[in-house]
Amino acid sequence: MENRRKRTQQDDIRLEPYVSKGVYTESGGIRPMPKRYPLGIIKVLLVSIPFLYLGSLASKYAAMGLEKMDVFIYTDDDDNDDD
């Protein structure tokens, strides 16, 4: 069991900087502040917004193609017709 744990730790050594080890060191000292990445949210938005837009365009054109081939036709079923 101990060998397996050591082997797993060696395999996961690349994740070492990203794993939280708590606030205190083994000797009782306080660890330094975690590393901050500048403009992190902006980078996420710069990647996610264009791909969300491209995905919406792809689904829009796929729905238009399905409607043109009469595979899927959108009908607005209104069950609240009291007339």
PDB file of N, CA and C in Angstrom:
ATOM      1  N   MET A   1       0.830  -1.194   0.000  1.00  0.00           N
ATOM      2  CA  MET A   1       0.000   0.000   0.000  1.00  0.00           C
ATOM      3  C   MET A   1       0.873   1.256   0.000  1.00  0.00           C
ATOM      4  N   GLU A   2       1.923   1.240   0.792  1.00  0.00           N
ATOM      5  CA  GLU A   2       2.819   2.393   0.885  1.00  0.00           C
ATOM      6  C   GLU A   2       3.548   2.633  -0.440  1.00  0.00           C
ATOM      7  N   ASN A   3       3.957   1.537  -1.104  1.00  0.00           N
ATOM      8  CA  ASN A   3       4.627   1.676  -2.402  1.00  0.00           C
ATOM      9  C   ASN A   3       3.682   2.274  -3.440  1.00  0.00           C
ATOM     10  N   ARG A   4       2.440   1.841  -3.386  1.00  0.00           N
ATOM     11  CA  ARG A   4       1.442   2.354  -4.325  1.00  0.00           C
ATOM     12  C   ARG A   4       1.225   3.846  -4.108  1.00  0.00           C
ATOM     13  N   ARG A   5       1.179   4.270  -2.855  1.00  0.00           N
ATOM     14  CA  ARG A   5       0.995   5.680  -2.534  1.00  0.00           C
ATOM     15  C   ARG A   5       2.180   6.510  -3.018  1.00  0.00           C
ATOM     16  N   LYS A   6       3.399   5.993  -2.828  1.00  0.00           N
ATOM     17  CA  LYS A   6       4.589   6.710  -3.286  1.00  0.00           C
ATOM     18  C   LYS A   6       4.598   6.811  -4.808  1.00  0.00           C
ATOM     19  N   ARG A   7       4.208   5.723  -5.478  1.00  0.00           N
ATOM     20  CA  ARG A   7       4.182   5.723  -6.936  1.00  0.00           C
ATOM     21  C   ARG A   7       3.157   6.739  -7.442  1.00  0.00           C
ATOM     22  N   THR A   8       2.008   6.809  -6.794  1.00  0.00           N
ATOM     23  CA  THR A   8       0.983   7.776  -7.179  1.00  0.00           C
ATOM     24  C   THR A   8       1.485   9.195  -6.965  1.00  0.00           C
ATOM     25  N   GLN A   9       2.199   9.424  -5.866  1.00  0.00           N
ATOM     26  CA  GLN A   9       2.740  10.747  -5.607  1.00  0.00           C
ATOM     27  C   GLN A   9       3.777  11.126  -6.656  1.00  0.00           C
ATOM     28  N   GLN A  10       4.580  10.163  -7.103  1.00  0.00           N
ATOM     29  CA  GLN A  10       5.571  10.451  -8.133  1.00  0.00           C
ATOM     30  C   GLN A  10       4.888  10.755  -9.463  1.00  0.00           C
ATOM     31  N   ASP A  11       3.794  10.049  -9.760  1.00  0.00           N
ATOM     32  CA  ASP A  11       3.070  10.295 -11.005  1.00  0.00           C
ATOM     33  C   ASP A  11       2.381  11.655 -10.985  1.00  0.00           C
ATOM     34  N   ASP A  12       1.925  12.078  -9.830  1.00  0.00           N
ATOM     35  CA  ASP A  12       1.195  13.337  -9.708  1.00  0.00           C
ATOM     36  C   ASP A  12       2.095  14.502  -9.321  1.00  0.00           C
ATOM     37  N   ILE A  13       3.392  14.378  -9.519  1.00  0.00           N
ATOM     38  CA  ILE A  13       4.313  15.432  -9.100  1.00  0.00           C
ATOM     39  C   ILE A  13       4.085  16.717  -9.892  1.00  0.00           C
ATOM     40  N   ARG A  14       3.565  16.603 -11.116  1.00  0.00           N
ATOM     41  CA  ARG A  14       3.326  17.802 -11.910  1.00  0.00           C
ATOM     42  C   ARG A  14       2.167  18.623 -11.350  1.00  0.00           C
ATOM     43  N   LEU A  15       1.297  18.015 -10.555  1.00  0.00           N
ATOM     44  CA  LEU A  15       0.183  18.732  -9.945  1.00  0.00           C
ATOM     45  C   LEU A  15       0.566  19.363  -8.610  1.00  0.00           C
ATOM     46  N   GLU A  16       1.766  19.111  -8.160  1.00  0.00           N
ATOM     47  CA  GLU A  16       2.221  19.565  -6.845  1.00  0.00           C
ATOM     48  C   GLU A  16       2.016  21.065  -6.612  1.00  0.00           C
ATOM     49  N   PRO A  17       2.374  21.956  -7.539  1.00  0.00           N
ATOM     50  CA  PRO A  17       2.196  23.382  -7.246  1.00  0.00           C
ATOM     51  C   PRO A  17       0.737  23.810  -7.144  1.00  0.00           C
ATOM     52  N   TYR A  18      -0.192  23.021  -7.681  1.00  0.00           N
ATOM     53  CA  TYR A  18      -1.588  23.421  -7.715  1.00  0.00           C
ATOM     54  C   TYR A  18      -2.400  22.845  -6.563  1.00  0.00           C
ATOM     55  N   VAL A  19      -1.843  21.905  -5.810  1.00  0.00           N
ATOM     56  CA  VAL A  19      -2.570  21.251  -4.735  1.00  0.00           C
ATOM     57  C   VAL A  19      -2.396  22.059  -3.458  1.00  0.00           C
ATOM     58  N   SER A  20      -3.501  22.365  -2.803  1.00  0.00           N
ATOM     59  CA  SER A  20      -3.445  23.121  -1.566  1.00  0.00           C
ATOM     60  C   SER A  20      -2.930  22.236  -0.438  1.00  0.00           C
ATOM     61  N   LYS A  21      -2.003  22.765   0.332  1.00  0.00           N
ATOM     62  CA  LYS A  21      -1.436  22.012   1.443  1.00  0.00           C
ATOM     63  C   LYS A  21      -1.833  22.611   2.783  1.00  0.00           C
ATOM     64  N   GLY A  22      -2.749  23.540   2.768  1.00  0.00           N
ATOM     65  CA  GLY A  22      -3.168  24.172   4.007  1.00  0.00           C
ATOM     66  C   GLY A  22      -2.463  25.500   4.215  1.00  0.00           C
ATOM     67  N   VAL A  23      -2.771  26.136   5.320  1.00  0.00           N
ATOM     68  CA  VAL A  23      -2.228  27.457   5.614  1.00  0.00           C
ATOM     69  C   VAL A  23      -0.886  27.364   6.320  1.00  0.00           C
ATOM     70  N   TYR A  24      -0.705  26.310   7.112  1.00  0.00           N
ATOM     71  CA  TYR A  24       0.494  26.209   7.937  1.00  0.00           C
ATOM     72  C   TYR A  24       1.451  25.144   7.409  1.00  0.00           C
ATOM     73  N   THR A  25       2.749  25.364   7.618  1.00  0.00           N
ATOM     74  CA  THR A  25       3.757  24.372   7.262  1.00  0.00           C
ATOM     75  C   THR A  25       3.826  23.323   8.359  1.00  0.00           C
ATOM     76  N   GLU A  26       4.626  22.299   8.143  1.00  0.00           N
ATOM     77  CA  GLU A  26       4.756  21.241   9.151  1.00  0.00           C
ATOM     78  C   GLU A  26       5.372  21.765  10.442  1.00  0.00           C
ATOM     79  N   SER A  27       6.230  22.787  10.329  1.00  0.00           N
ATOM     80  CA  SER A  27       6.867  23.332  11.524  1.00  0.00           C
ATOM     81  C   SER A  27       5.998  24.363  12.235  1.00  0.00           C
ATOM     82  N   GLY A  28       4.854  24.743  11.634  1.00  0.00           N
ATOM     83  CA  GLY A  28       3.950  25.683  12.284  1.00  0.00           C
ATOM     84  C   GLY A  28       3.975  27.073  11.690  1.00  0.00           C
ATOM     85  N   GLY A  29       4.856  27.314  10.738  1.00  0.00           N
ATOM     86  CA  GLY A  29       4.921  28.626  10.095  1.00  0.00           C
ATOM     87  C   GLY A  29       3.771  28.829   9.118  1.00  0.00           C
ATOM     88  N   ILE A  30       3.497  30.064   8.828  1.00  0.00           N
ATOM     89  CA  ILE A  30       2.425  30.385   7.882  1.00  0.00           C
ATOM     90  C   ILE A  30       2.993  30.364   6.468  1.00  0.00           C
ATOM     91  N   ARG A  31       2.289  29.693   5.582  1.00  0.00           N
ATOM     92  CA  ARG A  31       2.725  29.618   4.187  1.00  0.00           C
ATOM     93  C   ARG A  31       2.535  30.976   3.506  1.00  0.00           C
ATOM     94  N   PRO A  32       3.302  31.234   2.444  1.00  0.00           N
ATOM     95  CA  PRO A  32       3.120  32.494   1.709  1.00  0.00           C
ATOM     96  C   PRO A  32       1.793  32.511   0.952  1.00  0.00           C
ATOM     97  N   MET A  33       1.403  33.689   0.526  1.00  0.00           N
ATOM     98  CA  MET A  33       0.160  33.840  -0.239  1.00  0.00           C
ATOM     99  C   MET A  33       0.249  33.027  -1.526  1.00  0.00           C
ATOM    100  N   PRO A  34      -0.873  32.491  -1.993  1.00  0.00           N
ATOM    101  CA  PRO A  34      -0.852  31.731  -3.241  1.00  0.00           C
ATOM    102  C   PRO A  34      -0.533  32.622  -4.434  1.00  0.00           C
ATOM    103  N   LYS A  35      -0.030  31.995  -5.483  1.00  0.00           N
ATOM    104  CA  LYS A  35       0.333  32.720  -6.688  1.00  0.00           C
ATOM    105  C   LYS A  35      -0.936  33.205  -7.388  1.00  0.00           C
ATOM    106  N   ARG A  36      -0.926  34.450  -7.807  1.00  0.00           N
ATOM    107  CA  ARG A  36      -2.067  35.011  -8.526  1.00  0.00           C
ATOM    108  C   ARG A  36      -1.689  35.169  -9.989  1.00  0.00           C
ATOM    109  N   TYR A  37      -2.661  34.898 -10.837  1.00  0.00           N
ATOM    110  CA  TYR A  37      -2.436  35.026 -12.267  1.00  0.00           C
ATOM    111  C   TYR A  37      -3.074  36.328 -12.741  1.00  0.00           C
ATOM    112  N   PRO A  38      -2.283  37.217 -13.321  1.00  0.00           N
ATOM    113  CA  PRO A  38      -2.845  38.498 -13.743  1.00  0.00           C
ATOM    114  C   PRO A  38      -3.821  38.322 -14.899  1.00  0.00           C
ATOM    115  N   LEU A  39      -4.883  39.080 -14.860  1.00  0.00           N
ATOM    116  CA  LEU A  39      -5.907  39.099 -15.907  1.00  0.00           C
ATOM    117  C   LEU A  39      -6.546  37.737 -16.126  1.00  0.00           C
ATOM    118  N   GLY A  40      -6.698  36.946 -15.073  1.00  0.00           N
ATOM    119  CA  GLY A  40      -7.255  35.602 -15.197  1.00  0.00           C
ATOM    120  C   GLY A  40      -8.672  35.589 -15.728  1.00  0.00           C
ATOM    121  N   ILE A  41      -9.540  36.433 -15.175  1.00  0.00           N
ATOM    122  CA  ILE A  41     -10.937  36.480 -15.603  1.00  0.00           C
ATOM    123  C   ILE A  41     -11.032  36.980 -17.042  1.00  0.00           C
ATOM    124  N   ILE A  42     -10.218  37.954 -17.388  1.00  0.00           N
ATOM    125  CA  ILE A  42     -10.251  38.494 -18.751  1.00  0.00           C
ATOM    126  C   ILE A  42      -9.841  37.422 -19.752  1.00  0.00           C
ATOM    127  N   LYS A  43      -8.840  36.627 -19.415  1.00  0.00           N
ATOM    128  CA  LYS A  43      -8.412  35.544 -20.306  1.00  0.00           C
ATOM    129  C   LYS A  43      -9.522  34.516 -20.491  1.00  0.00           C
ATOM    130  N   VAL A  44     -10.201  34.191 -19.410  1.00  0.00           N
ATOM    131  CA  VAL A  44     -11.304  33.227 -19.494  1.00  0.00           C
ATOM    132  C   VAL A  44     -12.411  33.775 -20.386  1.00  0.00           C
ATOM    133  N   LEU A  45     -12.750  35.032 -20.216  1.00  0.00           N
ATOM    134  CA  LEU A  45     -13.804  35.639 -21.026  1.00  0.00           C
ATOM    135  C   LEU A  45     -13.399  35.751 -22.493  1.00  0.00           C
ATOM    136  N   LEU A  46     -12.126  36.078 -22.751  1.00  0.00           N
ATOM    137  CA  LEU A  46     -11.662  36.195 -24.132  1.00  0.00           C
ATOM    138  C   LEU A  46     -11.696  34.861 -24.868  1.00  0.00           C
ATOM    139  N   VAL A  47     -11.632  33.775 -24.139  1.00  0.00           N
ATOM    140  CA  VAL A  47     -11.703  32.457 -24.772  1.00  0.00           C
ATOM    141  C   VAL A  47     -13.142  31.965 -24.838  1.00  0.00           C
ATOM    142  N   SER A  48     -13.896  32.135 -23.766  1.00  0.00           N
ATOM    143  CA  SER A  48     -15.229  31.527 -23.704  1.00  0.00           C
ATOM    144  C   SER A  48     -16.265  32.240 -24.563  1.00  0.00           C
ATOM    145  N   ILE A  49     -16.248  33.559 -24.616  1.00  0.00           N
ATOM    146  CA  ILE A  49     -17.283  34.293 -25.358  1.00  0.00           C
ATOM    147  C   ILE A  49     -17.251  33.986 -26.857  1.00  0.00           C
ATOM    148  N   PRO A  50     -16.095  34.022 -27.529  1.00  0.00           N
ATOM    149  CA  PRO A  50     -16.118  33.680 -28.962  1.00  0.00           C
ATOM    150  C   PRO A  50     -16.573  32.248 -29.233  1.00  0.00           C
ATOM    151  N   PHE A  51     -16.184  31.306 -28.389  1.00  0.00           N
ATOM    152  CA  PHE A  51     -16.584  29.925 -28.627  1.00  0.00           C
ATOM    153  C   PHE A  51     -18.065  29.701 -28.311  1.00  0.00           C
ATOM    154  N   LEU A  52     -18.610  30.418 -27.344  1.00  0.00           N
ATOM    155  CA  LEU A  52     -20.055  30.357 -27.113  1.00  0.00           C
ATOM    156  C   LEU A  52     -20.808  30.912 -28.320  1.00  0.00           C
ATOM    157  N   TYR A  53     -20.295  31.986 -28.888  1.00  0.00           N
ATOM    158  CA  TYR A  53     -20.916  32.576 -30.073  1.00  0.00           C
ATOM    159  C   TYR A  53     -20.848  31.611 -31.256  1.00  0.00           C
ATOM    160  N   LEU A  54     -19.681  31.001 -31.476  1.00  0.00           N
ATOM    161  CA  LEU A  54     -19.549  30.038 -32.574  1.00  0.00           C
ATOM    162  C   LEU A  54     -20.464  28.832 -32.368  1.00  0.00           C
ATOM    163  N   GLY A  55     -20.601  28.376 -31.138  1.00  0.00           N
ATOM    164  CA  GLY A  55     -21.497  27.260 -30.848  1.00  0.00           C
ATOM    165  C   GLY A  55     -22.946  27.612 -31.104  1.00  0.00           C
ATOM    166  N   SER A  56     -23.329  28.836 -30.760  1.00  0.00           N
ATOM    167  CA  SER A  56     -24.714  29.247 -31.017  1.00  0.00           C
ATOM    168  C   SER A  56     -24.974  29.382 -32.514  1.00  0.00           C
ATOM    169  N   LEU A  57     -23.985  29.871 -33.274  1.00  0.00           N
ATOM    170  CA  LEU A  57     -24.146  29.946 -34.726  1.00  0.00           C
ATOM    171  C   LEU A  57     -24.284  28.555 -35.335  1.00  0.00           C
ATOM    172  N   ALA A  58     -23.456  27.621 -34.877  1.00  0.00           N
ATOM    173  CA  ALA A  58     -23.518  26.254 -35.408  1.00  0.00           C
ATOM    174  C   ALA A  58     -24.873  25.624 -35.117  1.00  0.00           C
ATOM    175  N   SER A  59     -25.394  25.809 -33.918  1.00  0.00           N
ATOM    176  CA  SER A  59     -26.693  25.216 -33.588  1.00  0.00           C
ATOM    177  C   SER A  59     -27.825  25.896 -34.350  1.00  0.00           C
ATOM    178  N   LYS A  60     -27.701  27.201 -34.574  1.00  0.00           N
ATOM    179  CA  LYS A  60     -28.723  27.920 -35.340  1.00  0.00           C
ATOM    180  C   LYS A  60     -28.789  27.394 -36.775  1.00  0.00           C
ATOM    181  N   TYR A  61     -27.620  27.251 -37.407  1.00  0.00           N
ATOM    182  CA  TYR A  61     -27.601  26.762 -38.789  1.00  0.00           C
ATOM    183  C   TYR A  61     -27.974  25.287 -38.868  1.00  0.00           C
ATOM    184  N   ALA A  62     -27.655  24.512 -37.856  1.00  0.00           N
ATOM    185  CA  ALA A  62     -28.068  23.106 -37.836  1.00  0.00           C
ATOM    186  C   ALA A  62     -29.587  23.008 -37.726  1.00  0.00           C
ATOM    187  N   ALA A  63     -30.197  23.842 -36.891  1.00  0.00           N
ATOM    188  CA  ALA A  63     -31.659  23.837 -36.762  1.00  0.00           C
ATOM    189  C   ALA A  63     -32.318  24.294 -38.056  1.00  0.00           C
ATOM    190  N   MET A  64     -31.723  25.291 -38.729  1.00  0.00           N
ATOM    191  CA  MET A  64     -32.274  25.737 -40.012  1.00  0.00           C
ATOM    192  C   MET A  64     -32.177  24.629 -41.054  1.00  0.00           C
ATOM    193  N   GLY A  65     -31.069  23.897 -41.065  1.00  0.00           N
ATOM    194  CA  GLY A  65     -30.910  22.791 -42.004  1.00  0.00           C
ATOM    195  C   GLY A  65     -31.895  21.673 -41.740  1.00  0.00           C
ATOM    196  N   LEU A  66     -32.113  21.340 -40.475  1.00  0.00           N
ATOM    197  CA  LEU A  66     -33.087  20.301 -40.134  1.00  0.00           C
ATOM    198  C   LEU A  66     -34.500  20.729 -40.510  1.00  0.00           C
ATOM    199  N   GLU A  67     -34.795  22.009 -40.319  1.00  0.00           N
ATOM    200  CA  GLU A  67     -36.121  22.504 -40.679  1.00  0.00           C
ATOM    201  C   GLU A  67     -36.307  22.486 -42.195  1.00  0.00           C
ATOM    202  N   LYS A  68     -35.259  22.812 -42.940  1.00  0.00           N
ATOM    203  CA  LYS A  68     -35.330  22.814 -44.400  1.00  0.00           C
ATOM    204  C   LYS A  68     -35.539  21.401 -44.944  1.00  0.00           C
ATOM    205  N   MET A  69     -34.959  20.398 -44.259  1.00  0.00           N
ATOM    206  CA  MET A  69     -35.110  19.002 -44.696  1.00  0.00           C
ATOM    207  C   MET A  69     -36.359  18.353 -44.103  1.00  0.00           C
ATOM    208  N   ASP A  70     -37.169  19.120 -43.415  1.00  0.00           N
ATOM    209  CA  ASP A  70     -38.402  18.643 -42.778  1.00  0.00           C
ATOM    210  C   ASP A  70     -38.157  17.526 -41.762  1.00  0.00           C
ATOM    211  N   VAL A  71     -37.016  17.548 -41.124  1.00  0.00           N
ATOM    212  CA  VAL A  71     -36.731  16.593 -40.054  1.00  0.00           C
ATOM    213  C   VAL A  71     -37.267  17.146 -38.740  1.00  0.00           C
ATOM    214  N   PHE A  72     -37.058  18.424 -38.545  1.00  0.00           N
ATOM    215  CA  PHE A  72     -37.513  19.076 -37.322  1.00  0.00           C
ATOM    216  C   PHE A  72     -38.179  20.381 -37.713  1.00  0.00           C
ATOM    217  N   ILE A  73     -39.456  20.525 -37.381  1.00  0.00           N
ATOM    218  CA  ILE A  73     -40.170  21.761 -37.665  1.00  0.00           C
ATOM    219  C   ILE A  73     -40.716  22.283 -36.344  1.00  0.00           C
ATOM    220  N   TYR A  74     -40.334  23.491 -36.019  1.00  0.00           N
ATOM    221  CA  TYR A  74     -40.759  24.102 -34.762  1.00  0.00           C
ATOM    222  C   TYR A  74     -42.205  24.558 -34.879  1.00  0.00           C
ATOM    223  N   THR A  75     -43.020  24.122 -33.956  1.00  0.00           N
ATOM    224  CA  THR A  75     -44.404  24.585 -33.889  1.00  0.00           C
ATOM    225  C   THR A  75     -44.644  25.146 -32.505  1.00  0.00           C
ATOM    226  N   ASP A  76     -45.287  26.274 -32.474  1.00  0.00           N
ATOM    227  CA  ASP A  76     -45.573  26.926 -31.201  1.00  0.00           C
ATOM    228  C   ASP A  76     -46.944  26.455 -30.733  1.00  0.00           C
ATOM    229  N   ASP A  77     -46.976  25.436 -29.912  1.00  0.00           N
ATOM    230  CA  ASP A  77     -48.234  24.899 -29.400  1.00  0.00           C
ATOM    231  C   ASP A  77     -48.692  25.748 -28.228  1.00  0.00           C
ATOM    232  N   ASP A  78     -49.795  26.411 -28.433  1.00  0.00           N
ATOM    233  CA  ASP A  78     -50.351  27.250 -27.381  1.00  0.00           C
ATOM    234  C   ASP A  78     -51.547  26.520 -26.786  1.00  0.00           C
ATOM    235  N   ASP A  79     -51.400  26.008 -25.585  1.00  0.00           N
ATOM    236  CA  ASP A  79     -52.478  25.278 -24.926  1.00  0.00           C
ATOM    237  C   ASP A  79     -53.428  26.204 -24.179  1.00  0.00           C
ATOM    238  N   ASN A  80     -53.127  27.476 -24.145  1.00  0.00           N
ATOM    239  CA  ASN A  80     -53.939  28.427 -23.393  1.00  0.00           C
ATOM    240  C   ASN A  80     -54.949  29.138 -24.284  1.00  0.00           C
ATOM    241  N   ASP A  81     -55.383  28.510 -25.347  1.00  0.00           N
ATOM    242  CA  ASP A  81     -56.366  29.129 -26.240  1.00  0.00           C
ATOM    243  C   ASP A  81     -57.754  29.037 -25.612  1.00  0.00           C
ATOM    244  N   ASP A  82     -58.268  30.158 -25.172  1.00  0.00           N
ATOM    245  CA  ASP A  82     -59.602  30.203 -24.577  1.00  0.00           C
ATOM    246  C   ASP A  82     -60.625  30.751 -25.568  1.00  0.00           C
ATOM    247  N   ASP A  83     -60.227  31.069 -26.771  1.00  0.00           N
ATOM    248  CA  ASP A  83     -61.127  31.669 -27.758  1.00  0.00           C
ATOM    249  C   ASP A  83     -62.088  30.672 -28.315  1.00  0.00           C
TER     250      ASP A  83
END
